[in-house]
Amino acid sequence: MRYVDYDWHLSSTGIVLDETLNTDALGWKGGDIFKLTNVNGKAKLLKVDPVEKFVRGFSSIDENQ
C-alpha cells in the first residue's frame, strides 16, 4: 500500500512519522524494532520479530525517558 500526503521528518538519528498515520492499523506498537536492510538494491525497514528481538538482546529507545 502506498501512503501519500503524509509529512515525514527524516534525519540521521531517525524518522518522525506523520501524526495522522494510523500505526495501529499497520500492527505497530511501542517498543517495536525495525532493521535497515537492502532488498534488490532498495533500502527497506523490516520489523524485527519479537523472538529475534529477545534472542539478539535488542532494546527499544524511548526518547521520552
PDB file of N, CA and C in Angstrom:
ATOM      1  N   MET A   1       0.850  -1.174   0.000  1.00  0.00           N
ATOM      2  CA  MET A   1       0.000   0.000   0.000  1.00  0.00           C
ATOM      3  C   MET A   1       0.898   1.240   0.000  1.00  0.00           C
ATOM      4  N   ARG A   2       0.516   2.236  -0.747  1.00  0.00           N
ATOM      5  CA  ARG A   2       1.259   3.493  -0.784  1.00  0.00           C
ATOM      6  C   ARG A   2       0.558   4.515   0.083  1.00  0.00           C
ATOM      7  N   TYR A   3       1.366   5.228   0.834  1.00  0.00           N
ATOM      8  CA  TYR A   3       0.846   6.294   1.692  1.00  0.00           C
ATOM      9  C   TYR A   3       1.341   7.615   1.124  1.00  0.00           C
ATOM     10  N   VAL A   4       0.398   8.470   0.715  1.00  0.00           N
ATOM     11  CA  VAL A   4       0.758   9.778   0.158  1.00  0.00           C
ATOM     12  C   VAL A   4       0.140  10.879   1.005  1.00  0.00           C
ATOM     13  N   ASP A   5       0.645  12.075   0.827  1.00  0.00           N
ATOM     14  CA  ASP A   5       0.170  13.252   1.560  1.00  0.00           C
ATOM     15  C   ASP A   5       0.438  13.170   3.055  1.00  0.00           C
ATOM     16  N   TYR A   6       1.511  12.503   3.440  1.00  0.00           N
ATOM     17  CA  TYR A   6       1.942  12.472   4.826  1.00  0.00           C
ATOM     18  C   TYR A   6       3.244  13.265   4.923  1.00  0.00           C
ATOM     19  N   ASP A   7       3.464  13.898   6.071  1.00  0.00           N
ATOM     20  CA  ASP A   7       4.719  14.587   6.335  1.00  0.00           C
ATOM     21  C   ASP A   7       5.624  13.658   7.119  1.00  0.00           C
ATOM     22  N   TRP A   8       6.820  13.432   6.600  1.00  0.00           N
ATOM     23  CA  TRP A   8       7.813  12.597   7.260  1.00  0.00           C
ATOM     24  C   TRP A   8       9.008  13.472   7.567  1.00  0.00           C
ATOM     25  N   HIS A   9       9.532  13.396   8.762  1.00  0.00           N
ATOM     26  CA  HIS A   9      10.714  14.159   9.139  1.00  0.00           C
ATOM     27  C   HIS A   9      11.868  13.171   9.276  1.00  0.00           C
ATOM     28  N   LEU A  10      12.803  13.239   8.315  1.00  0.00           N
ATOM     29  CA  LEU A  10      13.923  12.315   8.273  1.00  0.00           C
ATOM     30  C   LEU A  10      15.195  13.009   8.729  1.00  0.00           C
ATOM     31  N   SER A  11      15.988  12.317   9.530  1.00  0.00           N
ATOM     32  CA  SER A  11      17.291  12.838   9.938  1.00  0.00           C
ATOM     33  C   SER A  11      18.235  11.662  10.113  1.00  0.00           C
ATOM     34  N   SER A  12      19.473  11.959  10.428  1.00  0.00           N
ATOM     35  CA  SER A  12      20.449  10.885  10.620  1.00  0.00           C
ATOM     36  C   SER A  12      20.149  10.069  11.874  1.00  0.00           C
ATOM     37  N   THR A  13      19.306  10.586  12.762  1.00  0.00           N
ATOM     38  CA  THR A  13      19.009   9.870  14.005  1.00  0.00           C
ATOM     39  C   THR A  13      17.667   9.155  13.992  1.00  0.00           C
ATOM     40  N   GLY A  14      16.843   9.385  12.974  1.00  0.00           N
ATOM     41  CA  GLY A  14      15.568   8.680  12.943  1.00  0.00           C
ATOM     42  C   GLY A  14      14.555   9.284  12.001  1.00  0.00           C
ATOM     43  N   ILE A  15      13.353   8.767  12.075  1.00  0.00           N
ATOM     44  CA  ILE A  15      12.232   9.198  11.246  1.00  0.00           C
ATOM     45  C   ILE A  15      11.067   9.523  12.182  1.00  0.00           C
ATOM     46  N   VAL A  16      10.491  10.699  12.005  1.00  0.00           N
ATOM     47  CA  VAL A  16       9.280  11.056  12.749  1.00  0.00           C
ATOM     48  C   VAL A  16       8.116  10.918  11.778  1.00  0.00           C
ATOM     49  N   LEU A  17       7.182  10.050  12.118  1.00  0.00           N
ATOM     50  CA  LEU A  17       6.045   9.781  11.248  1.00  0.00           C
ATOM     51  C   LEU A  17       4.982  10.857  11.392  1.00  0.00           C
ATOM     52  N   ASP A  18       4.185  11.021  10.362  1.00  0.00           N
ATOM     53  CA  ASP A  18       3.071  11.963  10.390  1.00  0.00           C
ATOM     54  C   ASP A  18       2.100  11.554  11.492  1.00  0.00           C
ATOM     55  N   GLU A  19       1.593  12.544  12.227  1.00  0.00           N
ATOM     56  CA  GLU A  19       0.700  12.243  13.356  1.00  0.00           C
ATOM     57  C   GLU A  19      -0.618  11.611  12.922  1.00  0.00           C
ATOM     58  N   THR A  20      -0.996  11.764  11.652  1.00  0.00           N
ATOM     59  CA  THR A  20      -2.253  11.190  11.182  1.00  0.00           C
ATOM     60  C   THR A  20      -2.101   9.750  10.679  1.00  0.00           C
ATOM     61  N   LEU A  21      -0.862   9.256  10.604  1.00  0.00           N
ATOM     62  CA  LEU A  21      -0.641   7.883  10.173  1.00  0.00           C
ATOM     63  C   LEU A  21      -1.077   6.928  11.282  1.00  0.00           C
ATOM     64  N   ASN A  22      -1.987   6.027  10.980  1.00  0.00           N
ATOM     65  CA  ASN A  22      -2.517   5.098  11.969  1.00  0.00           C
ATOM     66  C   ASN A  22      -1.600   3.879  12.054  1.00  0.00           C
ATOM     67  N   THR A  23      -0.650   3.916  12.979  1.00  0.00           N
ATOM     68  CA  THR A  23       0.280   2.807  13.122  1.00  0.00           C
ATOM     69  C   THR A  23      -0.397   1.562  13.702  1.00  0.00           C
ATOM     70  N   ASP A  24      -1.498   1.739  14.422  1.00  0.00           N
ATOM     71  CA  ASP A  24      -2.253   0.581  14.928  1.00  0.00           C
ATOM     72  C   ASP A  24      -2.766  -0.267  13.772  1.00  0.00           C
ATOM     73  N   ALA A  25      -3.199   0.391  12.702  1.00  0.00           N
ATOM     74  CA  ALA A  25      -3.708  -0.333  11.537  1.00  0.00           C
ATOM     75  C   ALA A  25      -2.601  -1.140  10.857  1.00  0.00           C
ATOM     76  N   LEU A  26      -1.343  -0.713  11.055  1.00  0.00           N
ATOM     77  CA  LEU A  26      -0.205  -1.442  10.493  1.00  0.00           C
ATOM     78  C   LEU A  26       0.272  -2.562  11.411  1.00  0.00           C
ATOM     79  N   GLY A  27      -0.301  -2.614  12.619  1.00  0.00           N
ATOM     80  CA  GLY A  27       0.116  -3.628  13.581  1.00  0.00           C
ATOM     81  C   GLY A  27       1.372  -3.235  14.338  1.00  0.00           C
ATOM     82  N   TRP A  28       1.740  -1.957  14.316  1.00  0.00           N
ATOM     83  CA  TRP A  28       2.915  -1.475  15.044  1.00  0.00           C
ATOM     84  C   TRP A  28       2.504  -1.045  16.440  1.00  0.00           C
ATOM     85  N   LYS A  29       3.421  -1.244  17.387  1.00  0.00           N
ATOM     86  CA  LYS A  29       3.151  -0.788  18.754  1.00  0.00           C
ATOM     87  C   LYS A  29       4.454  -0.288  19.369  1.00  0.00           C
ATOM     88  N   GLY A  30       4.335   0.446  20.462  1.00  0.00           N
ATOM     89  CA  GLY A  30       5.504   0.957  21.141  1.00  0.00           C
ATOM     90  C   GLY A  30       6.462  -0.164  21.504  1.00  0.00           C
ATOM     91  N   GLY A  31       7.737   0.058  21.307  1.00  0.00           N
ATOM     92  CA  GLY A  31       8.743  -0.960  21.601  1.00  0.00           C
ATOM     93  C   GLY A  31       9.123  -1.816  20.408  1.00  0.00           C
ATOM     94  N   ASP A  32       8.373  -1.712  19.298  1.00  0.00           N
ATOM     95  CA  ASP A  32       8.744  -2.448  18.084  1.00  0.00           C
ATOM     96  C   ASP A  32      10.098  -1.957  17.603  1.00  0.00           C
ATOM     97  N   ILE A  33      10.861  -2.867  17.021  1.00  0.00           N
ATOM     98  CA  ILE A  33      12.180  -2.541  16.499  1.00  0.00           C
ATOM     99  C   ILE A  33      12.218  -2.912  15.023  1.00  0.00           C
ATOM    100  N   PHE A  34      12.855  -2.046  14.237  1.00  0.00           N
ATOM    101  CA  PHE A  34      12.998  -2.262  12.805  1.00  0.00           C
ATOM    102  C   PHE A  34      14.476  -2.277  12.466  1.00  0.00           C
ATOM    103  N   LYS A  35      14.835  -3.060  11.440  1.00  0.00           N
ATOM    104  CA  LYS A  35      16.223  -3.069  10.986  1.00  0.00           C
ATOM    105  C   LYS A  35      16.268  -2.662   9.518  1.00  0.00           C
ATOM    106  N   LEU A  36      17.317  -1.934   9.172  1.00  0.00           N
ATOM    107  CA  LEU A  36      17.503  -1.461   7.804  1.00  0.00           C
ATOM    108  C   LEU A  36      18.201  -2.548   7.006  1.00  0.00           C
ATOM    109  N   THR A  37      17.588  -2.939   5.893  1.00  0.00           N
ATOM    110  CA  THR A  37      18.161  -3.965   5.022  1.00  0.00           C
ATOM    111  C   THR A  37      18.195  -3.445   3.598  1.00  0.00           C
ATOM    112  N   ASN A  38      18.816  -4.200   2.726  1.00  0.00           N
ATOM    113  CA  ASN A  38      18.873  -3.861   1.312  1.00  0.00           C
ATOM    114  C   ASN A  38      18.278  -5.027   0.543  1.00  0.00           C
ATOM    115  N   VAL A  39      17.159  -4.765  -0.143  1.00  0.00           N
ATOM    116  CA  VAL A  39      16.477  -5.806  -0.909  1.00  0.00           C
ATOM    117  C   VAL A  39      16.450  -5.378  -2.370  1.00  0.00           C
ATOM    118  N   ASN A  40      17.164  -6.132  -3.204  1.00  0.00           N
ATOM    119  CA  ASN A  40      17.237  -5.835  -4.635  1.00  0.00           C
ATOM    120  C   ASN A  40      17.638  -4.392  -4.898  1.00  0.00           C
ATOM    121  N   GLY A  41      18.616  -3.896  -4.136  1.00  0.00           N
ATOM    122  CA  GLY A  41      19.127  -2.549  -4.346  1.00  0.00           C
ATOM    123  C   GLY A  41      18.295  -1.440  -3.729  1.00  0.00           C
ATOM    124  N   LYS A  42      17.242  -1.795  -2.997  1.00  0.00           N
ATOM    125  CA  LYS A  42      16.393  -0.786  -2.358  1.00  0.00           C
ATOM    126  C   LYS A  42      16.489  -0.916  -0.844  1.00  0.00           C
ATOM    127  N   ALA A  43      16.632   0.228  -0.167  1.00  0.00           N
ATOM    128  CA  ALA A  43      16.644   0.228   1.296  1.00  0.00           C
ATOM    129  C   ALA A  43      15.244  -0.119   1.790  1.00  0.00           C
ATOM    130  N   LYS A  44      15.188  -0.972   2.810  1.00  0.00           N
ATOM    131  CA  LYS A  44      13.909  -1.416   3.336  1.00  0.00           C
ATOM    132  C   LYS A  44      14.017  -1.558   4.851  1.00  0.00           C
ATOM    133  N   LEU A  45      12.999  -1.073   5.571  1.00  0.00           N
ATOM    134  CA  LEU A  45      12.929  -1.272   7.011  1.00  0.00           C
ATOM    135  C   LEU A  45      12.052  -2.487   7.276  1.00  0.00           C
ATOM    136  N   LEU A  46      12.601  -3.447   7.995  1.00  0.00           N
ATOM    137  CA  LEU A  46      11.854  -4.657   8.328  1.00  0.00           C
ATOM    138  C   LEU A  46      11.633  -4.709   9.829  1.00  0.00           C
ATOM    139  N   LYS A  47      10.416  -5.036  10.218  1.00  0.00           N
ATOM    140  CA  LYS A  47      10.091  -5.169  11.632  1.00  0.00           C
ATOM    141  C   LYS A  47      10.768  -6.432  12.172  1.00  0.00           C
ATOM    142  N   VAL A  48      11.454  -6.286  13.299  1.00  0.00           N
ATOM    143  CA  VAL A  48      12.141  -7.413  13.920  1.00  0.00           C
ATOM    144  C   VAL A  48      11.118  -8.250  14.678  1.00  0.00           C
ATOM    145  N   ASP A  49      11.134  -9.556  14.422  1.00  0.00           N
ATOM    146  CA  ASP A  49      10.241 -10.483  15.109  1.00  0.00           C
ATOM    147  C   ASP A  49      10.539 -10.450  16.607  1.00  0.00           C
ATOM    148  N   PRO A  50       9.513 -10.505  17.465  1.00  0.00           N
ATOM    149  CA  PRO A  50       9.740 -10.464  18.913  1.00  0.00           C
ATOM    150  C   PRO A  50      10.722 -11.525  19.409  1.00  0.00           C
ATOM    151  N   VAL A  51      10.737 -12.713  18.794  1.00  0.00           N
ATOM    152  CA  VAL A  51      11.673 -13.762  19.209  1.00  0.00           C
ATOM    153  C   VAL A  51      13.102 -13.340  18.885  1.00  0.00           C
ATOM    154  N   GLU A  52      13.314 -12.794  17.682  1.00  0.00           N
ATOM    155  CA  GLU A  52      14.651 -12.322  17.305  1.00  0.00           C
ATOM    156  C   GLU A  52      15.081 -11.170  18.214  1.00  0.00           C
ATOM    157  N   LYS A  53      14.145 -10.295  18.521  1.00  0.00           N
ATOM    158  CA  LYS A  53      14.422  -9.172  19.422  1.00  0.00           C
ATOM    159  C   LYS A  53      14.929  -9.697  20.761  1.00  0.00           C
ATOM    160  N   PHE A  54      14.284 -10.719  21.290  1.00  0.00           N
ATOM    161  CA  PHE A  54      14.666 -11.302  22.570  1.00  0.00           C
ATOM    162  C   PHE A  54      16.018 -12.004  22.480  1.00  0.00           C
ATOM    163  N   VAL A  55      16.183 -12.852  21.469  1.00  0.00           N
ATOM    164  CA  VAL A  55      17.409 -13.654  21.338  1.00  0.00           C
ATOM    165  C   VAL A  55      18.629 -12.768  21.121  1.00  0.00           C
ATOM    166  N   ARG A  56      18.484 -11.755  20.283  1.00  0.00           N
ATOM    167  CA  ARG A  56      19.616 -10.874  19.985  1.00  0.00           C
ATOM    168  C   ARG A  56      19.821  -9.799  21.049  1.00  0.00           C
ATOM    169  N   GLY A  57      18.859  -9.652  21.936  1.00  0.00           N
ATOM    170  CA  GLY A  57      19.008  -8.682  23.016  1.00  0.00           C
ATOM    171  C   GLY A  57      18.787  -7.244  22.575  1.00  0.00           C
ATOM    172  N   PHE A  58      18.008  -7.039  21.498  1.00  0.00           N
ATOM    173  CA  PHE A  58      17.702  -5.685  21.066  1.00  0.00           C
ATOM    174  C   PHE A  58      16.890  -4.979  22.141  1.00  0.00           C
ATOM    175  N   SER A  59      17.107  -3.698  22.293  1.00  0.00           N
ATOM    176  CA  SER A  59      16.275  -2.926  23.207  1.00  0.00           C
ATOM    177  C   SER A  59      15.758  -1.718  22.462  1.00  0.00           C
ATOM    178  N   SER A  60      14.562  -1.282  22.822  1.00  0.00           N
ATOM    179  CA  SER A  60      13.988  -0.117  22.168  1.00  0.00           C
ATOM    180  C   SER A  60      14.539   1.145  22.802  1.00  0.00           C
ATOM    181  N   ILE A  61      14.487   2.230  22.053  1.00  0.00           N
ATOM    182  CA  ILE A  61      14.929   3.525  22.538  1.00  0.00           C
ATOM    183  C   ILE A  61      13.702   4.395  22.701  1.00  0.00           C
ATOM    184  N   ASP A  62      13.478   4.882  23.907  1.00  0.00           N
ATOM    185  CA  ASP A  62      12.346   5.757  24.172  1.00  0.00           C
ATOM    186  C   ASP A  62      12.893   7.133  24.492  1.00  0.00           C
ATOM    187  N   GLU A  63      12.673   8.093  23.570  1.00  0.00           N
ATOM    188  CA  GLU A  63      13.197   9.448  23.757  1.00  0.00           C
ATOM    189  C   GLU A  63      12.523  10.179  24.900  1.00  0.00           C
ATOM    190  N   ASN A  64      11.376   9.672  25.365  1.00  0.00           N
ATOM    191  CA  ASN A  64      10.637  10.365  26.427  1.00  0.00           C
ATOM    192  C   ASN A  64      11.151  10.019  27.819  1.00  0.00           C
ATOM    193  N   GLN A  65      12.110   9.116  27.924  1.00  0.00           N
ATOM    194  CA  GLN A  65      12.615   8.729  29.239  1.00  0.00           C
ATOM    195  C   GLN A  65      13.826   9.533  29.608  1.00  0.00           C
TER     196      GLN A  65
END
